[in-house]
N, C-alpha and C. Protein backbone atom coordinates (compact mmCIF):
# COMPACT_ATOMS: atom_id res chain seq x y z
N MET A 1 44.07 41.63 -15.95
CA MET A 1 44.72 41.85 -14.65
C MET A 1 44.92 40.50 -13.97
N ALA A 2 46.12 40.05 -13.85
CA ALA A 2 46.39 38.74 -13.26
C ALA A 2 46.80 38.89 -11.81
N HIS A 3 46.00 38.30 -10.92
CA HIS A 3 46.28 38.37 -9.49
C HIS A 3 46.12 36.98 -8.88
N SER A 4 46.83 36.75 -7.80
CA SER A 4 46.57 35.56 -7.02
C SER A 4 45.23 35.72 -6.33
N ARG A 5 44.32 34.72 -6.49
CA ARG A 5 43.01 34.81 -5.88
C ARG A 5 43.08 34.63 -4.38
N GLN A 6 44.20 34.27 -3.85
CA GLN A 6 44.31 34.04 -2.42
C GLN A 6 44.83 35.25 -1.66
N LEU A 7 45.38 36.23 -2.37
CA LEU A 7 46.11 37.28 -1.67
C LEU A 7 45.61 38.70 -1.94
N ILE A 8 44.44 38.83 -2.51
CA ILE A 8 43.98 40.17 -2.85
C ILE A 8 42.49 40.30 -2.54
N SER A 9 42.08 41.49 -2.12
CA SER A 9 40.66 41.74 -1.89
C SER A 9 40.36 43.21 -2.15
N ALA A 10 39.19 43.47 -2.73
CA ALA A 10 38.72 44.85 -2.86
C ALA A 10 38.05 45.25 -1.56
N VAL A 11 38.15 46.53 -1.24
CA VAL A 11 37.47 47.09 -0.06
C VAL A 11 36.64 48.27 -0.53
N LEU A 12 35.34 48.20 -0.29
CA LEU A 12 34.47 49.31 -0.66
C LEU A 12 34.82 50.49 0.25
N ALA A 13 35.45 51.50 -0.34
CA ALA A 13 36.05 52.58 0.45
C ALA A 13 35.34 53.91 0.21
N SER A 14 34.97 54.57 1.30
CA SER A 14 34.36 55.89 1.20
C SER A 14 35.25 56.95 1.84
N GLY A 15 36.29 56.48 2.54
CA GLY A 15 37.10 57.41 3.31
C GLY A 15 36.55 57.62 4.70
N GLY A 16 35.48 56.89 5.03
CA GLY A 16 34.90 56.98 6.36
C GLY A 16 35.66 56.14 7.38
N ILE A 17 35.21 56.20 8.61
CA ILE A 17 35.89 55.50 9.71
C ILE A 17 35.89 53.99 9.48
N GLU A 18 34.72 53.42 9.18
CA GLU A 18 34.61 51.97 9.05
C GLU A 18 35.47 51.44 7.90
N SER A 19 35.38 52.07 6.73
CA SER A 19 36.14 51.55 5.59
C SER A 19 37.63 51.73 5.78
N THR A 20 38.04 52.77 6.52
CA THR A 20 39.46 52.98 6.79
C THR A 20 40.01 51.90 7.71
N VAL A 21 39.28 51.62 8.78
CA VAL A 21 39.71 50.56 9.71
C VAL A 21 39.67 49.21 9.00
N LEU A 22 38.71 49.05 8.09
CA LEU A 22 38.60 47.80 7.35
C LEU A 22 39.80 47.58 6.42
N ILE A 23 40.24 48.62 5.75
CA ILE A 23 41.42 48.52 4.89
C ILE A 23 42.62 48.04 5.72
N ASP A 24 42.78 48.62 6.90
CA ASP A 24 43.89 48.23 7.77
C ASP A 24 43.75 46.78 8.21
N LEU A 25 42.53 46.36 8.53
CA LEU A 25 42.28 44.98 8.95
C LEU A 25 42.61 43.99 7.82
N VAL A 26 42.17 44.32 6.61
CA VAL A 26 42.43 43.45 5.45
C VAL A 26 43.93 43.29 5.24
N ARG A 27 44.67 44.38 5.39
CA ARG A 27 46.13 44.30 5.21
C ARG A 27 46.77 43.45 6.31
N HIS A 28 46.26 43.56 7.51
CA HIS A 28 46.81 42.75 8.60
C HIS A 28 46.55 41.26 8.39
N ARG A 29 45.55 40.96 7.58
CA ARG A 29 45.28 39.56 7.25
C ARG A 29 46.07 39.11 6.03
N ARG A 30 47.02 39.95 5.62
CA ARG A 30 47.98 39.65 4.55
C ARG A 30 47.38 39.68 3.16
N TYR A 31 46.25 40.36 3.00
CA TYR A 31 45.70 40.61 1.68
C TYR A 31 46.31 41.90 1.11
N ARG A 32 46.43 41.95 -0.21
CA ARG A 32 46.68 43.23 -0.87
C ARG A 32 45.32 43.89 -1.03
N ALA A 33 45.15 45.04 -0.41
CA ALA A 33 43.84 45.70 -0.38
C ALA A 33 43.70 46.69 -1.54
N ILE A 34 42.63 46.54 -2.30
CA ILE A 34 42.32 47.49 -3.37
C ILE A 34 41.17 48.38 -2.90
N PRO A 35 41.44 49.65 -2.56
CA PRO A 35 40.34 50.55 -2.18
C PRO A 35 39.50 50.89 -3.40
N LEU A 36 38.21 50.67 -3.30
CA LEU A 36 37.30 50.82 -4.44
C LEU A 36 36.23 51.85 -4.09
N TYR A 37 36.19 52.93 -4.87
CA TYR A 37 35.23 54.02 -4.63
C TYR A 37 34.26 54.08 -5.80
N ILE A 38 32.96 54.15 -5.49
CA ILE A 38 31.92 54.25 -6.52
C ILE A 38 31.42 55.69 -6.53
N ARG A 39 31.63 56.38 -7.64
CA ARG A 39 31.20 57.78 -7.75
C ARG A 39 29.79 57.81 -8.35
N SER A 40 28.81 58.25 -7.56
CA SER A 40 27.41 58.19 -7.97
C SER A 40 26.78 59.54 -8.27
N GLY A 41 27.48 60.63 -7.92
CA GLY A 41 26.95 61.95 -8.22
C GLY A 41 26.46 62.74 -7.01
N TYR A 42 26.75 62.27 -5.80
CA TYR A 42 26.30 62.98 -4.61
C TYR A 42 27.15 64.22 -4.36
N ILE A 43 26.58 65.18 -3.65
CA ILE A 43 27.18 66.50 -3.47
C ILE A 43 28.51 66.45 -2.74
N TRP A 44 28.68 65.47 -1.87
CA TRP A 44 29.88 65.40 -1.03
C TRP A 44 31.05 64.64 -1.66
N GLU A 45 30.86 64.07 -2.83
CA GLU A 45 31.85 63.12 -3.36
C GLU A 45 33.21 63.75 -3.70
N THR A 46 33.22 64.95 -4.26
CA THR A 46 34.50 65.58 -4.59
C THR A 46 35.35 65.76 -3.35
N THR A 47 34.73 66.25 -2.28
CA THR A 47 35.45 66.43 -1.01
C THR A 47 35.80 65.08 -0.40
N GLU A 48 34.90 64.13 -0.50
CA GLU A 48 35.14 62.80 0.05
C GLU A 48 36.34 62.14 -0.63
N ILE A 49 36.41 62.24 -1.95
CA ILE A 49 37.54 61.66 -2.69
C ILE A 49 38.84 62.36 -2.33
N TYR A 50 38.79 63.66 -2.18
CA TYR A 50 39.98 64.41 -1.77
C TYR A 50 40.52 63.87 -0.45
N HIS A 51 39.64 63.73 0.54
CA HIS A 51 40.07 63.24 1.85
C HIS A 51 40.51 61.77 1.78
N LEU A 52 39.82 60.99 0.96
CA LEU A 52 40.19 59.58 0.82
C LEU A 52 41.61 59.45 0.27
N LYS A 53 41.95 60.25 -0.73
CA LYS A 53 43.30 60.21 -1.30
C LYS A 53 44.35 60.61 -0.27
N GLN A 54 44.06 61.65 0.52
CA GLN A 54 45.00 62.06 1.56
C GLN A 54 45.17 60.97 2.61
N LEU A 55 44.07 60.33 2.95
CA LEU A 55 44.10 59.26 3.93
C LEU A 55 44.92 58.08 3.44
N LEU A 56 44.73 57.67 2.19
CA LEU A 56 45.46 56.53 1.65
C LEU A 56 46.95 56.82 1.58
N LYS A 57 47.31 58.07 1.28
CA LYS A 57 48.73 58.44 1.31
C LYS A 57 49.30 58.28 2.70
N SER A 58 48.51 58.65 3.69
CA SER A 58 48.96 58.55 5.07
C SER A 58 49.12 57.09 5.50
N LEU A 59 48.21 56.23 5.05
CA LEU A 59 48.28 54.81 5.41
C LEU A 59 49.48 54.14 4.76
N GLY A 60 49.63 54.35 3.43
CA GLY A 60 50.77 53.78 2.71
C GLY A 60 50.92 52.29 2.93
N GLY A 61 52.10 51.78 2.62
CA GLY A 61 52.39 50.37 2.86
C GLY A 61 52.31 49.53 1.61
N ARG A 62 53.07 48.48 1.55
CA ARG A 62 53.19 47.68 0.33
C ARG A 62 51.94 46.86 0.03
N LEU A 63 51.08 46.62 1.00
CA LEU A 63 49.90 45.82 0.75
C LEU A 63 48.68 46.65 0.36
N LEU A 64 48.88 47.94 0.14
CA LEU A 64 47.79 48.83 -0.25
C LEU A 64 47.95 49.21 -1.72
N ARG A 65 46.99 48.80 -2.54
CA ARG A 65 47.03 49.10 -3.96
C ARG A 65 46.48 50.50 -4.23
N ASP A 66 46.61 50.97 -5.47
CA ASP A 66 46.11 52.29 -5.84
C ASP A 66 44.59 52.34 -5.78
N LEU A 67 44.07 53.51 -5.47
CA LEU A 67 42.64 53.74 -5.43
C LEU A 67 42.02 53.53 -6.82
N VAL A 68 40.92 52.80 -6.85
CA VAL A 68 40.14 52.62 -8.08
C VAL A 68 38.83 53.38 -7.92
N ILE A 69 38.53 54.27 -8.86
CA ILE A 69 37.28 55.03 -8.83
C ILE A 69 36.43 54.61 -10.02
N LEU A 70 35.22 54.14 -9.73
CA LEU A 70 34.27 53.75 -10.77
C LEU A 70 33.16 54.80 -10.85
N LYS A 71 32.80 55.19 -12.03
CA LYS A 71 31.72 56.16 -12.21
C LYS A 71 30.44 55.42 -12.56
N ALA A 72 29.47 55.52 -11.67
CA ALA A 72 28.18 54.86 -11.87
C ALA A 72 27.09 55.77 -11.32
N PRO A 73 26.73 56.82 -12.07
CA PRO A 73 25.82 57.85 -11.54
C PRO A 73 24.42 57.34 -11.22
N LEU A 74 23.95 57.78 -10.07
CA LEU A 74 22.58 57.50 -9.63
C LEU A 74 21.70 58.75 -9.68
N TYR A 75 22.34 59.91 -9.85
CA TYR A 75 21.63 61.17 -9.67
C TYR A 75 20.41 61.32 -10.58
N SER A 76 20.45 60.72 -11.77
CA SER A 76 19.33 60.87 -12.69
C SER A 76 18.07 60.17 -12.19
N ASP A 77 18.24 59.26 -11.23
CA ASP A 77 17.10 58.51 -10.71
C ASP A 77 16.48 59.15 -9.47
N TYR A 78 17.14 60.16 -8.90
CA TYR A 78 16.65 60.80 -7.69
C TYR A 78 15.76 61.99 -8.04
N PRO A 79 14.75 62.25 -7.20
CA PRO A 79 13.90 63.42 -7.45
C PRO A 79 14.70 64.70 -7.26
N HIS A 80 14.41 65.71 -8.06
CA HIS A 80 15.11 66.98 -7.97
C HIS A 80 14.19 68.02 -7.35
N PRO A 81 14.67 68.91 -6.49
CA PRO A 81 16.03 68.85 -5.92
C PRO A 81 16.07 67.94 -4.69
N HIS A 82 17.06 67.09 -4.62
CA HIS A 82 17.22 66.19 -3.47
C HIS A 82 18.44 66.65 -2.69
N TRP A 83 18.36 66.62 -1.38
CA TRP A 83 19.44 67.15 -0.55
C TRP A 83 20.79 66.49 -0.85
N SER A 84 20.79 65.21 -1.23
CA SER A 84 22.05 64.50 -1.51
C SER A 84 22.71 65.01 -2.79
N LEU A 85 21.95 65.70 -3.64
CA LEU A 85 22.47 66.23 -4.89
C LEU A 85 22.76 67.73 -4.82
N THR A 86 21.96 68.44 -4.03
CA THR A 86 22.11 69.90 -3.96
C THR A 86 22.91 70.35 -2.75
N GLY A 87 22.90 69.55 -1.68
CA GLY A 87 23.54 69.97 -0.44
C GLY A 87 22.67 70.86 0.42
N ASN A 88 21.46 71.16 -0.05
CA ASN A 88 20.56 72.03 0.68
C ASN A 88 19.73 71.25 1.70
N HIS A 89 19.76 71.73 2.93
CA HIS A 89 18.96 71.15 4.02
C HIS A 89 19.19 69.65 4.21
N PRO A 90 20.43 69.24 4.40
CA PRO A 90 20.70 67.82 4.68
C PRO A 90 20.15 67.45 6.06
N PRO A 91 19.94 66.17 6.33
CA PRO A 91 19.48 65.75 7.66
C PRO A 91 20.38 66.32 8.76
N SER A 92 19.78 66.95 9.74
CA SER A 92 20.53 67.65 10.78
C SER A 92 20.83 66.74 11.97
N VAL A 93 21.47 67.33 12.97
CA VAL A 93 21.82 66.58 14.18
C VAL A 93 20.57 66.07 14.89
N ARG A 94 19.44 66.69 14.64
CA ARG A 94 18.19 66.29 15.30
C ARG A 94 17.39 65.29 14.47
N SER A 95 17.87 64.99 13.28
CA SER A 95 17.14 64.08 12.38
C SER A 95 17.24 62.64 12.84
N ASP A 96 16.19 61.89 12.58
CA ASP A 96 16.20 60.46 12.82
C ASP A 96 17.13 59.78 11.80
N ALA A 97 17.66 58.62 12.14
CA ALA A 97 18.57 57.91 11.25
C ALA A 97 17.94 57.63 9.89
N SER A 98 16.63 57.43 9.87
CA SER A 98 15.95 57.11 8.61
C SER A 98 16.06 58.24 7.60
N ALA A 99 16.35 59.46 8.05
CA ALA A 99 16.43 60.61 7.16
C ALA A 99 17.62 60.53 6.20
N VAL A 100 18.63 59.74 6.55
CA VAL A 100 19.82 59.66 5.70
C VAL A 100 19.76 58.48 4.74
N PHE A 101 18.65 57.73 4.77
CA PHE A 101 18.52 56.59 3.87
C PHE A 101 18.45 57.06 2.42
N LEU A 102 19.29 56.47 1.57
CA LEU A 102 19.29 56.78 0.14
C LEU A 102 18.83 55.54 -0.63
N GLU A 103 17.73 55.69 -1.32
CA GLU A 103 17.07 54.57 -2.00
C GLU A 103 18.04 53.82 -2.93
N GLY A 104 18.22 52.52 -2.65
CA GLY A 104 19.01 51.67 -3.52
C GLY A 104 20.51 51.85 -3.44
N ARG A 105 21.00 52.62 -2.47
CA ARG A 105 22.43 52.92 -2.44
C ARG A 105 23.29 51.67 -2.25
N ASN A 106 22.97 50.84 -1.25
CA ASN A 106 23.77 49.63 -1.04
C ASN A 106 23.65 48.68 -2.22
N LEU A 107 22.46 48.55 -2.76
CA LEU A 107 22.24 47.72 -3.95
C LEU A 107 23.15 48.17 -5.08
N HIS A 108 23.20 49.46 -5.30
CA HIS A 108 23.99 50.06 -6.37
C HIS A 108 25.49 49.87 -6.14
N LEU A 109 25.95 50.20 -4.93
CA LEU A 109 27.38 50.13 -4.62
C LEU A 109 27.92 48.70 -4.72
N ILE A 110 27.20 47.77 -4.11
CA ILE A 110 27.69 46.39 -4.06
C ILE A 110 27.65 45.76 -5.45
N ALA A 111 26.61 46.05 -6.22
CA ALA A 111 26.51 45.50 -7.57
C ALA A 111 27.66 46.00 -8.44
N GLN A 112 27.91 47.30 -8.43
CA GLN A 112 28.99 47.86 -9.25
C GLN A 112 30.35 47.31 -8.82
N ALA A 113 30.58 47.28 -7.52
CA ALA A 113 31.86 46.78 -7.01
C ALA A 113 32.05 45.29 -7.35
N SER A 114 30.98 44.53 -7.27
CA SER A 114 31.06 43.09 -7.54
C SER A 114 31.33 42.81 -9.02
N ILE A 115 30.74 43.60 -9.89
CA ILE A 115 31.01 43.45 -11.33
C ILE A 115 32.49 43.71 -11.61
N TYR A 116 33.02 44.77 -10.99
CA TYR A 116 34.45 45.08 -11.15
C TYR A 116 35.30 43.91 -10.67
N CYS A 117 34.95 43.37 -9.51
CA CYS A 117 35.72 42.26 -8.95
C CYS A 117 35.67 41.04 -9.87
N SER A 118 34.48 40.73 -10.39
CA SER A 118 34.34 39.58 -11.27
C SER A 118 35.16 39.75 -12.54
N LEU A 119 35.09 40.92 -13.16
CA LEU A 119 35.82 41.16 -14.40
C LEU A 119 37.33 41.10 -14.20
N ASN A 120 37.78 41.46 -12.99
CA ASN A 120 39.22 41.49 -12.71
C ASN A 120 39.69 40.33 -11.86
N ARG A 121 38.80 39.34 -11.67
CA ARG A 121 39.15 38.12 -10.94
C ARG A 121 39.67 38.42 -9.53
N ILE A 122 38.99 39.32 -8.87
CA ILE A 122 39.30 39.64 -7.47
C ILE A 122 38.34 38.82 -6.61
N PRO A 123 38.83 37.93 -5.78
CA PRO A 123 37.97 36.91 -5.16
C PRO A 123 37.07 37.36 -4.03
N SER A 124 37.34 38.53 -3.42
CA SER A 124 36.50 38.95 -2.30
C SER A 124 36.32 40.46 -2.27
N LEU A 125 35.22 40.86 -1.67
CA LEU A 125 34.89 42.27 -1.52
C LEU A 125 34.51 42.52 -0.07
N HIS A 126 35.30 43.36 0.62
CA HIS A 126 35.04 43.68 2.02
C HIS A 126 34.19 44.95 2.13
N ILE A 127 33.20 44.89 3.01
CA ILE A 127 32.29 46.02 3.21
C ILE A 127 32.18 46.30 4.71
N GLY A 128 32.31 47.57 5.10
CA GLY A 128 32.38 47.93 6.51
C GLY A 128 31.05 48.26 7.16
N VAL A 129 30.05 47.40 7.00
CA VAL A 129 28.73 47.63 7.60
C VAL A 129 28.76 47.25 9.08
N LEU A 130 28.10 48.07 9.90
CA LEU A 130 28.10 47.86 11.35
C LEU A 130 26.86 47.11 11.84
N LYS A 131 26.97 46.57 13.02
CA LYS A 131 25.86 45.91 13.71
C LYS A 131 24.70 46.88 13.92
N THR A 132 25.01 48.15 14.11
CA THR A 132 24.01 49.16 14.44
C THR A 132 23.34 49.77 13.20
N ASN A 133 23.68 49.29 12.00
CA ASN A 133 23.04 49.79 10.80
C ASN A 133 21.52 49.57 10.92
N PRO A 134 20.70 50.62 10.80
CA PRO A 134 19.26 50.48 11.07
C PRO A 134 18.43 50.06 9.85
N PHE A 135 19.06 49.88 8.69
CA PHE A 135 18.30 49.66 7.47
C PHE A 135 18.27 48.19 7.04
N ARG A 136 17.26 47.83 6.28
CA ARG A 136 17.07 46.44 5.87
C ARG A 136 18.13 45.95 4.88
N ASP A 137 18.85 46.89 4.26
CA ASP A 137 19.90 46.49 3.31
C ASP A 137 21.28 46.49 3.96
N GLY A 138 21.31 46.24 5.27
CA GLY A 138 22.59 46.24 5.97
C GLY A 138 22.68 45.17 7.04
N ASN A 139 22.00 44.02 6.82
CA ASN A 139 22.07 42.95 7.82
C ASN A 139 22.52 41.64 7.16
N ARG A 140 22.73 40.63 7.99
CA ARG A 140 23.29 39.36 7.49
C ARG A 140 22.38 38.71 6.46
N HIS A 141 21.08 38.77 6.67
CA HIS A 141 20.13 38.17 5.74
C HIS A 141 20.25 38.83 4.36
N TYR A 142 20.34 40.14 4.35
CA TYR A 142 20.46 40.88 3.09
C TYR A 142 21.72 40.46 2.32
N PHE A 143 22.84 40.41 3.02
CA PHE A 143 24.10 40.07 2.35
C PHE A 143 24.11 38.61 1.88
N SER A 144 23.43 37.73 2.62
CA SER A 144 23.32 36.35 2.20
C SER A 144 22.51 36.24 0.90
N LEU A 145 21.41 36.97 0.83
CA LEU A 145 20.60 36.99 -0.39
C LEU A 145 21.38 37.58 -1.56
N PHE A 146 22.12 38.67 -1.28
CA PHE A 146 22.89 39.33 -2.33
C PHE A 146 23.96 38.39 -2.87
N GLN A 147 24.58 37.64 -1.98
CA GLN A 147 25.61 36.69 -2.42
C GLN A 147 25.02 35.65 -3.37
N ARG A 148 23.84 35.20 -3.08
CA ARG A 148 23.18 34.21 -3.94
C ARG A 148 22.90 34.80 -5.32
N VAL A 149 22.48 36.06 -5.35
CA VAL A 149 22.22 36.72 -6.63
C VAL A 149 23.52 36.88 -7.42
N LEU A 150 24.59 37.30 -6.74
CA LEU A 150 25.89 37.45 -7.42
C LEU A 150 26.37 36.11 -7.98
N ASN A 151 26.17 35.05 -7.22
CA ASN A 151 26.62 33.73 -7.66
C ASN A 151 25.90 33.28 -8.94
N GLN A 152 24.68 33.78 -9.11
CA GLN A 152 23.91 33.44 -10.30
C GLN A 152 24.16 34.42 -11.45
N SER A 153 24.71 35.59 -11.15
CA SER A 153 24.79 36.66 -12.14
C SER A 153 26.16 36.86 -12.76
N LEU A 154 27.21 36.45 -12.07
CA LEU A 154 28.57 36.76 -12.51
C LEU A 154 29.38 35.49 -12.77
N LYS A 155 30.33 35.60 -13.68
CA LYS A 155 31.19 34.46 -13.97
C LYS A 155 32.13 34.14 -12.81
N ALA A 156 32.63 35.19 -12.17
CA ALA A 156 33.56 35.01 -11.05
C ALA A 156 33.11 35.90 -9.89
N PRO A 157 31.99 35.59 -9.26
CA PRO A 157 31.45 36.45 -8.20
C PRO A 157 32.39 36.53 -7.01
N PRO A 158 32.61 37.74 -6.47
CA PRO A 158 33.43 37.85 -5.27
C PRO A 158 32.66 37.36 -4.05
N LEU A 159 33.39 36.91 -3.05
CA LEU A 159 32.78 36.57 -1.77
C LEU A 159 32.62 37.86 -0.97
N ILE A 160 31.39 38.17 -0.59
CA ILE A 160 31.13 39.38 0.19
C ILE A 160 31.50 39.13 1.65
N LYS A 161 32.38 39.96 2.18
CA LYS A 161 32.83 39.80 3.56
C LYS A 161 32.46 41.04 4.38
N THR A 162 31.84 40.83 5.53
CA THR A 162 31.39 41.93 6.38
C THR A 162 31.88 41.70 7.82
N PRO A 163 33.17 41.85 8.08
CA PRO A 163 33.73 41.51 9.39
C PRO A 163 33.26 42.41 10.54
N PHE A 164 32.63 43.56 10.25
CA PHE A 164 32.16 44.45 11.30
C PHE A 164 30.67 44.31 11.57
N LEU A 165 30.04 43.31 10.99
CA LEU A 165 28.59 43.20 11.08
C LEU A 165 28.10 42.90 12.50
N GLN A 166 28.99 42.47 13.37
CA GLN A 166 28.64 42.25 14.77
C GLN A 166 29.34 43.24 15.69
N LYS A 167 29.78 44.36 15.12
CA LYS A 167 30.51 45.36 15.91
C LYS A 167 29.82 46.72 15.84
N THR A 168 30.00 47.52 16.89
CA THR A 168 29.46 48.87 16.95
C THR A 168 30.52 49.86 16.48
N LYS A 169 30.10 51.10 16.26
CA LYS A 169 31.07 52.13 15.87
C LYS A 169 32.12 52.32 16.97
N LYS A 170 31.70 52.24 18.22
CA LYS A 170 32.64 52.36 19.33
C LYS A 170 33.74 51.31 19.21
N GLU A 171 33.36 50.06 18.95
CA GLU A 171 34.34 48.98 18.86
C GLU A 171 35.28 49.18 17.67
N VAL A 172 34.72 49.61 16.54
CA VAL A 172 35.55 49.82 15.35
C VAL A 172 36.53 50.98 15.57
N LEU A 173 36.07 52.05 16.20
CA LEU A 173 36.95 53.17 16.52
C LEU A 173 38.10 52.72 17.42
N GLN A 174 37.80 51.90 18.39
CA GLN A 174 38.84 51.42 19.30
C GLN A 174 39.82 50.50 18.58
N ILE A 175 39.33 49.67 17.67
CA ILE A 175 40.21 48.81 16.87
C ILE A 175 41.17 49.67 16.05
N GLY A 176 40.66 50.78 15.51
CA GLY A 176 41.46 51.63 14.63
C GLY A 176 42.05 52.85 15.31
N SER A 177 42.15 52.84 16.61
CA SER A 177 42.61 54.02 17.35
C SER A 177 44.04 54.43 17.00
N HIS A 178 44.82 53.50 16.42
CA HIS A 178 46.20 53.80 16.04
C HIS A 178 46.29 54.48 14.68
N LEU A 179 45.18 54.56 13.98
CA LEU A 179 45.15 55.12 12.62
C LEU A 179 44.87 56.63 12.64
N PRO A 180 45.17 57.35 11.56
CA PRO A 180 44.88 58.79 11.49
C PRO A 180 43.39 59.03 11.20
N LEU A 181 42.56 58.72 12.18
CA LEU A 181 41.12 58.76 11.97
C LEU A 181 40.59 60.18 11.74
N HIS A 182 41.38 61.19 12.13
CA HIS A 182 40.95 62.57 11.88
C HIS A 182 40.94 62.90 10.39
N LEU A 183 41.60 62.06 9.58
CA LEU A 183 41.63 62.28 8.13
C LEU A 183 40.45 61.63 7.43
N THR A 184 39.65 60.85 8.16
CA THR A 184 38.50 60.20 7.55
C THR A 184 37.39 61.23 7.31
N TRP A 185 36.40 60.82 6.51
CA TRP A 185 35.34 61.76 6.13
C TRP A 185 33.97 61.15 6.39
N SER A 186 33.07 61.96 7.01
CA SER A 186 31.75 61.45 7.36
C SER A 186 30.63 62.47 7.17
N CYS A 187 30.85 63.51 6.39
CA CYS A 187 29.92 64.66 6.37
C CYS A 187 29.02 64.66 5.13
N LEU A 188 27.77 65.09 5.33
CA LEU A 188 26.79 65.20 4.24
C LEU A 188 26.80 66.56 3.57
N SER A 189 27.43 67.54 4.22
CA SER A 189 27.37 68.92 3.73
C SER A 189 28.72 69.61 3.88
N PRO A 190 29.70 69.26 3.04
CA PRO A 190 31.07 69.81 3.17
C PRO A 190 31.11 71.33 3.12
N TYR A 191 32.03 71.88 3.92
CA TYR A 191 32.25 73.33 3.90
C TYR A 191 33.75 73.57 3.73
N LYS A 192 34.16 73.95 2.51
CA LYS A 192 35.58 74.21 2.21
C LYS A 192 36.47 73.07 2.69
N LYS A 193 36.09 71.86 2.32
CA LYS A 193 36.82 70.62 2.64
C LYS A 193 36.83 70.29 4.13
N CYS A 194 35.98 70.97 4.90
CA CYS A 194 35.84 70.67 6.33
C CYS A 194 34.49 70.00 6.59
N HIS A 195 34.41 69.26 7.67
CA HIS A 195 33.13 68.75 8.13
C HIS A 195 32.26 69.94 8.58
N CYS A 196 30.98 69.88 8.27
CA CYS A 196 30.10 70.99 8.65
C CYS A 196 29.86 71.03 10.15
N GLY A 197 29.87 69.86 10.81
CA GLY A 197 29.63 69.82 12.24
C GLY A 197 28.17 69.95 12.61
N ARG A 198 27.27 69.98 11.62
CA ARG A 198 25.85 70.24 11.88
C ARG A 198 24.92 69.17 11.34
N CYS A 199 25.44 68.30 10.48
CA CYS A 199 24.57 67.31 9.85
C CYS A 199 24.48 66.03 10.70
N ASN A 200 23.60 65.15 10.28
CA ASN A 200 23.36 63.90 10.98
C ASN A 200 24.62 63.06 11.10
N LYS A 201 25.41 62.99 10.03
CA LYS A 201 26.61 62.16 10.03
C LYS A 201 27.73 62.76 10.88
N CYS A 202 27.81 64.08 10.91
CA CYS A 202 28.80 64.72 11.79
C CYS A 202 28.47 64.44 13.25
N ALA A 203 27.18 64.49 13.57
CA ALA A 203 26.75 64.20 14.95
C ALA A 203 27.07 62.76 15.32
N GLU A 204 26.82 61.84 14.40
CA GLU A 204 27.14 60.43 14.63
C GLU A 204 28.64 60.24 14.84
N ARG A 205 29.42 60.95 14.06
CA ARG A 205 30.88 60.89 14.16
C ARG A 205 31.35 61.39 15.52
N GLN A 206 30.87 62.56 15.92
CA GLN A 206 31.28 63.16 17.19
C GLN A 206 30.89 62.27 18.36
N ASP A 207 29.68 61.72 18.29
CA ASP A 207 29.21 60.84 19.36
C ASP A 207 30.06 59.57 19.42
N GLY A 208 30.47 59.06 18.24
CA GLY A 208 31.28 57.84 18.19
C GLY A 208 32.62 58.02 18.90
N PHE A 209 33.30 59.13 18.61
CA PHE A 209 34.58 59.40 19.29
C PHE A 209 34.38 59.53 20.80
N LYS A 210 33.30 60.21 21.18
CA LYS A 210 33.04 60.43 22.61
C LYS A 210 32.79 59.12 23.33
N VAL A 211 31.94 58.27 22.75
CA VAL A 211 31.60 56.99 23.38
C VAL A 211 32.82 56.06 23.42
N ALA A 212 33.67 56.15 22.39
CA ALA A 212 34.86 55.30 22.33
C ALA A 212 35.97 55.80 23.26
N GLY A 213 35.80 57.00 23.81
CA GLY A 213 36.80 57.56 24.71
C GLY A 213 38.05 58.02 23.98
N LEU A 214 37.88 58.44 22.72
CA LEU A 214 39.01 58.88 21.90
C LEU A 214 38.89 60.36 21.58
N PRO A 215 40.02 61.07 21.49
CA PRO A 215 39.96 62.49 21.12
C PRO A 215 39.51 62.64 19.67
N ASP A 216 38.65 63.61 19.42
CA ASP A 216 38.19 63.88 18.06
C ASP A 216 39.00 65.04 17.49
N LYS A 217 39.96 64.74 16.63
CA LYS A 217 40.82 65.75 16.05
C LYS A 217 40.32 66.24 14.69
N THR A 218 39.10 65.90 14.36
CA THR A 218 38.50 66.31 13.10
C THR A 218 38.38 67.82 13.02
N LYS A 219 38.59 68.37 11.82
CA LYS A 219 38.42 69.80 11.61
C LYS A 219 36.98 70.06 11.19
N TYR A 220 36.22 70.72 12.06
CA TYR A 220 34.85 71.08 11.77
C TYR A 220 34.75 72.56 11.39
N ARG A 221 33.68 72.92 10.72
CA ARG A 221 33.49 74.27 10.23
C ARG A 221 33.65 75.32 11.32
N ASP A 222 33.10 75.09 12.49
CA ASP A 222 33.09 76.09 13.55
C ASP A 222 34.19 75.87 14.59
N SER A 223 35.14 74.98 14.28
CA SER A 223 36.19 74.72 15.27
C SER A 223 37.51 75.31 14.83
């Protein structure tokens, strides 16, 4: 795959609010954006990919490349039954943020995406992590350490870019207010391709729109 190293970047895409706004930001910086999805075996992924494809169609544009889906299952390493695999009893609206932590998820996602970038000579990888991320694998120190490991591990390591690391969800929503954000996906427990409206991530989503002063046009199970 021959690409100009100056004009292309992969974006770790989940179809969520942050990665969607990030794709738009990368394109505005004149990069050709490659949306990169890592399929690990979680219960929500089929619905998430469906919404991501619909969203990318809506975004369109010449600087947006086709979606790349990598299969790198983690499910065999998780204890059974785990809510992320079965969909049973996911963290609710009353759950603490720590309840949604998935062991090794960022390590897994960034490593797989970086290997793809190195093999295909893609010079950078954008990740939509927020300032408010409460976990140790989502801060500047972590990404700095990870970059050092990649530089030692890969022939052509991508530069990890985290432009939202000093921004809140409110700020990112406001930056992307012109986008079809109702097509994004943030749910841990899909119901017939709709957000459940009851899980921890749905609550975070609803609160984000409210704090940002934006209408939430998301289709929820009970709406």
